[in-house]
Amino acid sequence: MGNPYKGGRTRVTSRVPDVVFEELERRRMAAGVNMSQYLADLLAAATGHTQLVQETNQEVLKLSA
């Protein structure tokens, strides 16, 4: 059984400093989601589209800001 449809999405690729990646990895693990979903939720919240946050707890995202 596949994953549920999450709506239209566009792939984004970025290179970040190792220390930034390590912190993102720590935070996504604490949130209990994969990196792709964590970043999608973080970017949705950062751009004011909180209704698109799907798996990451809103309180966790507030701590990330």
Protein backbone atom coordinates (compact mmCIF):
# COMPACT_ATOMS: atom_id res chain seq x y z
CA MET A 1 0.00 0.00 0.00
CA GLY A 2 1.46 3.36 -1.04
CA ASN A 3 1.57 6.63 0.82
CA PRO A 4 -1.47 8.92 0.71
CA TYR A 5 -1.42 11.73 -1.86
CA LYS A 6 -0.01 14.93 -0.34
CA GLY A 7 -0.92 17.32 -3.14
CA GLY A 8 1.21 18.88 -5.84
CA ARG A 9 4.86 19.11 -4.90
CA THR A 10 8.09 20.34 -6.46
CA ARG A 11 11.51 18.86 -5.72
CA VAL A 12 13.92 21.35 -4.12
CA THR A 13 17.63 20.59 -3.85
CA SER A 14 19.99 22.54 -1.62
CA ARG A 15 23.47 22.17 -0.21
CA VAL A 16 23.78 23.33 3.37
CA PRO A 17 26.77 23.48 5.72
CA ASP A 18 27.38 20.24 7.62
CA VAL A 19 26.55 21.83 10.97
CA VAL A 20 23.18 22.98 9.60
CA PHE A 21 22.42 19.50 8.25
CA GLU A 22 23.37 17.92 11.57
CA GLU A 23 20.98 20.23 13.42
CA LEU A 24 18.18 19.57 10.92
CA GLU A 25 18.80 15.83 11.31
CA ARG A 26 18.60 16.13 15.09
CA ARG A 27 15.37 18.11 14.91
CA ARG A 28 13.66 15.87 12.36
CA MET A 29 14.52 12.80 14.44
CA ALA A 30 13.04 14.49 17.51
CA ALA A 31 9.91 15.25 15.47
CA GLY A 32 9.73 11.63 14.31
CA VAL A 33 9.47 12.31 10.56
CA ASN A 34 11.69 11.82 7.53
CA MET A 35 13.89 14.68 6.35
CA SER A 36 11.85 15.44 3.25
CA GLN A 37 8.62 15.83 5.22
CA TYR A 38 10.35 17.80 8.00
CA LEU A 39 11.75 20.29 5.50
CA ALA A 40 8.44 20.54 3.63
CA ASP A 41 6.65 21.27 6.91
CA LEU A 42 9.32 23.73 8.03
CA LEU A 43 9.20 25.63 4.73
CA ALA A 44 5.40 25.66 4.70
CA ALA A 45 5.33 27.14 8.20
CA ALA A 46 8.12 29.64 7.41
CA THR A 47 6.20 30.95 4.40
CA GLY A 48 2.92 31.32 6.27
CA HIS A 49 1.23 28.21 4.84
CA THR A 50 0.65 26.47 8.15
CA GLN A 51 -2.39 24.67 6.73
CA LEU A 52 0.05 22.65 4.59
CA VAL A 53 2.04 21.35 7.57
CA GLN A 54 1.22 17.65 7.56
CA GLU A 55 3.32 15.63 9.98
CA THR A 56 5.43 17.91 12.12
CA ASN A 57 3.83 19.21 15.30
CA GLN A 58 3.23 22.97 15.18
CA GLU A 59 4.91 23.35 18.59
CA VAL A 60 8.05 21.65 17.27
CA LEU A 61 8.13 24.05 14.33
CA LYS A 62 7.80 27.06 16.65
CA LEU A 63 10.88 25.83 18.52
CA SER A 64 12.73 25.56 15.20
CA ALA A 65 12.17 29.21 14.36
